[in-house]
Protein backbone atom coordinates (compact mmCIF):
# COMPACT_ATOMS: atom_id res chain seq x y z
CA UNK A 1 -13.08 9.26 22.27
CA UNK A 2 -11.60 6.86 19.74
CA UNK A 3 -10.61 3.37 20.77
CA UNK A 4 -7.17 2.26 19.70
CA UNK A 5 -5.95 -1.34 19.17
CA UNK A 6 -2.17 -1.85 18.99
CA UNK A 7 -1.32 -5.20 17.33
CA UNK A 8 2.18 -5.65 18.70
CA UNK A 9 4.51 -8.23 17.10
CA UNK A 10 8.12 -8.77 18.17
CA UNK A 11 9.44 -12.35 17.99
CA UNK A 12 12.49 -11.53 20.05
CA UNK A 13 11.00 -9.14 22.65
CA UNK A 14 13.29 -10.30 25.42
CA UNK A 15 16.18 -8.91 23.39
CA UNK A 16 14.46 -5.62 22.44
CA UNK A 17 15.98 -2.45 23.53
CA UNK A 18 13.74 0.07 21.77
CA UNK A 19 10.31 -1.51 21.73
CA UNK A 20 10.39 -2.40 25.43
CA UNK A 21 10.65 1.36 26.14
CA UNK A 22 8.13 2.42 23.51
CA UNK A 23 5.33 0.21 24.76
CA UNK A 24 5.94 0.41 28.46
CA UNK A 25 2.87 1.79 30.09
CA UNK A 26 0.91 2.12 26.89
CA UNK A 27 -1.61 -0.46 27.99
CA UNK A 28 -2.37 1.64 31.10
CA UNK A 29 -3.72 4.42 28.87
CA UNK A 30 -7.51 4.75 28.77
CA UNK A 31 -9.02 3.74 25.44
CA UNK A 32 -5.89 1.81 24.26
CA UNK A 33 -5.59 -1.94 23.99
CA UNK A 34 -2.11 -3.36 23.60
CA UNK A 35 -2.37 -6.83 22.08
CA UNK A 36 0.94 -8.74 21.99
CA UNK A 37 0.35 -11.34 19.22
CA UNK A 38 3.43 -13.49 20.09
CA UNK A 39 2.33 -13.64 23.76
CA UNK A 40 -1.35 -14.38 22.87
CA UNK A 41 -0.41 -17.01 20.25
CA UNK A 42 3.00 -18.62 21.09
CA UNK A 43 2.01 -21.56 18.79
CA UNK A 44 0.74 -19.10 16.03
CA UNK A 45 -2.73 -20.66 16.45
CA UNK A 46 -4.68 -17.40 15.82
CA UNK A 47 -8.28 -17.29 17.05
CA UNK A 48 -9.90 -15.65 14.01
CA UNK A 49 -13.26 -14.93 15.63
CA UNK A 50 -11.69 -13.43 18.76
CA UNK A 51 -9.43 -11.23 16.64
CA UNK A 52 -12.24 -10.02 14.53
CA UNK A 53 -14.32 -9.10 17.57
CA UNK A 54 -11.33 -7.21 18.97
CA UNK A 55 -10.77 -5.23 15.80
CA UNK A 56 -14.55 -4.64 15.48
CA UNK A 57 -14.48 -2.93 18.97
CA UNK A 58 -11.76 -0.37 17.97
CA UNK A 59 -11.65 2.67 15.70
CA UNK A 60 -7.92 2.84 14.98
CA UNK A 61 -5.65 -0.16 14.31
CA UNK A 62 -1.86 0.05 14.69
CA UNK A 63 0.60 -2.54 13.54
CA UNK A 64 3.54 -2.02 15.90
CA UNK A 65 6.62 -4.12 14.93
CA UNK A 66 10.23 -4.08 13.93
CA UNK A 67 10.75 -3.57 10.25
CA UNK A 68 11.97 -7.14 9.49
CA UNK A 69 13.09 -7.64 5.91
CA UNK A 70 11.09 -4.62 4.79
CA UNK A 71 7.93 -6.10 6.19
CA UNK A 72 6.42 -7.45 9.41
CA UNK A 73 7.38 -10.31 11.63
CA UNK A 74 5.69 -13.64 10.58
CA UNK A 75 2.85 -13.61 13.03
CA UNK A 76 1.48 -10.30 11.80
CA UNK A 77 1.46 -11.61 8.19
CA UNK A 78 -0.33 -14.75 9.49
CA UNK A 79 -2.78 -12.48 11.31
CA UNK A 80 -3.58 -10.64 8.08
CA UNK A 81 -3.93 -13.77 6.07
CA UNK A 82 -6.37 -15.29 8.56
CA UNK A 83 -8.27 -12.48 10.16
CA UNK A 84 -8.74 -10.12 7.17
CA UNK A 85 -10.88 -12.67 5.28
CA UNK A 86 -13.26 -12.25 2.30
CA UNK A 87 -16.79 -11.32 3.28
CA UNK A 88 -15.61 -9.72 6.53
CA UNK A 89 -12.65 -7.42 5.72
CA UNK A 90 -13.26 -7.06 1.98
CA UNK A 91 -15.48 -8.17 -0.89
CA UNK A 92 -19.03 -7.16 -1.61
CA UNK A 93 -20.22 -7.86 1.93
CA UNK A 94 -16.86 -7.30 3.62
CA UNK A 95 -17.34 -3.84 5.29
CA UNK A 96 -16.36 -4.49 8.92
CA UNK A 97 -13.25 -2.36 8.54
CA UNK A 98 -14.79 0.40 6.46
CA UNK A 99 -13.92 3.85 7.82
CA UNK A 100 -11.46 2.66 10.40
CA UNK A 101 -8.01 4.12 10.56
CA UNK A 102 -4.79 2.11 10.26
CA UNK A 103 -1.01 2.79 10.35
CA UNK A 104 2.20 1.28 11.45
CA UNK A 105 4.71 1.97 14.19
CA UNK A 106 8.10 0.72 13.03
CA UNK A 107 11.58 0.34 14.46
CA UNK A 108 14.25 0.13 11.78
CA UNK A 109 18.03 -0.45 12.19
CA UNK A 110 18.90 1.80 9.22
CA UNK A 111 19.06 5.58 9.35
CA UNK A 112 16.44 7.63 7.56
CA UNK A 113 18.91 8.46 4.73
CA UNK A 114 19.33 4.78 3.98
CA UNK A 115 15.64 4.75 2.86
CA UNK A 116 15.69 6.70 -0.42
CA UNK A 117 16.38 6.12 -4.03
CA UNK A 118 20.13 7.02 -3.48
CA UNK A 119 20.38 5.28 -0.12
CA UNK A 120 21.37 1.73 0.86
CA UNK A 121 17.87 0.38 0.68
CA UNK A 122 16.88 2.07 -2.66
CA UNK A 123 13.34 2.78 -1.55
CA UNK A 124 11.60 5.02 0.97
CA UNK A 125 9.72 3.51 3.95
CA UNK A 126 6.51 4.63 2.44
CA UNK A 127 7.38 2.87 -0.88
CA UNK A 128 8.10 -0.31 0.97
CA UNK A 129 4.79 -0.13 2.84
CA UNK A 130 2.72 0.04 -0.34
CA UNK A 131 1.22 -3.48 0.26
CA UNK A 132 -0.12 -2.34 3.59
CA UNK A 133 -1.49 0.80 2.07
CA UNK A 134 -3.23 -1.30 -0.59
CA UNK A 135 -4.56 -3.68 2.13
CA UNK A 136 -6.11 -0.65 3.74
CA UNK A 137 -7.60 0.51 0.44
CA UNK A 138 -9.07 -2.90 -0.24
CA UNK A 139 -10.59 -2.96 3.23
CA UNK A 140 -11.89 0.62 2.86
CA UNK A 141 -9.81 1.81 5.64
CA UNK A 142 -8.07 5.17 6.05
CA UNK A 143 -4.30 4.67 5.82
CA UNK A 144 -2.17 7.08 7.84
CA UNK A 145 1.67 7.56 7.48
CA UNK A 146 3.90 5.44 9.74
CA UNK A 147 5.55 6.46 12.90
CA UNK A 148 9.15 5.34 12.50
CA UNK A 149 12.13 5.08 14.84
CA UNK A 150 15.28 4.88 12.80
CA UNK A 151 18.78 3.89 13.79
CA UNK A 152 17.86 1.38 16.41
CA UNK A 153 21.42 0.00 16.52
CA UNK A 154 23.01 3.32 17.55
CA UNK A 155 20.23 5.39 19.09
CA UNK A 156 20.80 6.63 22.65
CA UNK A 157 18.42 5.87 25.49
CA UNK A 158 17.57 9.56 25.68
CA UNK A 159 16.59 9.56 22.03
CA UNK A 160 14.42 6.48 22.57
CA UNK A 161 12.71 8.24 25.53
CA UNK A 162 12.01 11.25 23.28
CA UNK A 163 10.44 8.94 20.65
CA UNK A 164 8.27 7.35 23.41
CA UNK A 165 7.12 10.80 24.55
CA UNK A 166 6.04 11.53 20.92
CA UNK A 167 4.40 8.13 20.65
CA UNK A 168 2.37 8.71 23.77
CA UNK A 169 1.43 12.13 22.53
CA UNK A 170 0.32 10.69 19.22
CA UNK A 171 -1.77 7.98 20.91
CA UNK A 172 -3.47 10.49 23.18
CA UNK A 173 -4.10 12.84 20.28
CA UNK A 174 -5.73 10.16 18.12
CA UNK A 175 -7.75 8.87 21.03
CA UNK A 176 -8.96 12.38 22.02
CA UNK A 177 -9.35 13.45 18.37
CA UNK A 178 -7.04 16.45 18.70
CA UNK A 179 -4.79 15.49 15.81
CA UNK A 180 -5.72 17.06 12.45
CA UNK A 181 -5.88 13.96 10.26
CA UNK A 182 -6.19 15.98 7.11
CA UNK A 183 -2.79 17.51 7.90
CA UNK A 184 -1.26 14.02 7.94
CA UNK A 185 -2.08 13.28 4.27
CA UNK A 186 0.96 14.77 2.72
CA UNK A 187 3.46 13.84 5.42
CA UNK A 188 6.02 11.07 4.96
CA UNK A 189 5.99 10.06 8.60
CA UNK A 190 3.55 10.56 11.43
CA UNK A 191 6.56 11.81 13.41
CA UNK A 192 6.67 14.82 11.11
CA UNK A 193 3.30 16.05 12.51
CA UNK A 194 4.98 16.81 15.75
CA UNK A 195 8.28 18.12 14.47
CA UNK A 196 7.02 20.25 11.56
CA UNK A 197 3.65 21.57 12.67
């Protein structure tokens, strides 16, 4: 069984409509640790050693966050800057993350069609996530496609619940090693694994 760490970052969680539903009950699943960074570090005083121990104890790392300004909320960037340091995460002796899997769970206000060359945002989600893919490469991790919930301003509660069901299926499949990771390589989104199998 693979152990999964979800690094959750939402600076306005009390106002969240989508993420509250997505993560509800996730921390009750065996083998899954939900780590709310804003709750753990309200002053952003990240405990580097504790975070490294937490990462070290898991096989799969998920950055779960709203897609703020085509990137992460501030605390997750701070987490990267402090925790993924030279000699631990990368560099000649930095092999602590080698072989681990990483991907992102994103909620985005824009519809999927807004994220393409002809769309409002000019780039695909995958293109905008290239810095995270390169972070994974540098740390010798296996980068998987993102799980994305689009249209968060207009999505219905029923649609959110459908995404939650898929998210739980995804987590259980990764944990139990029933998802064919080779089949994910050419997929734009992790969501596609479940809709286009």
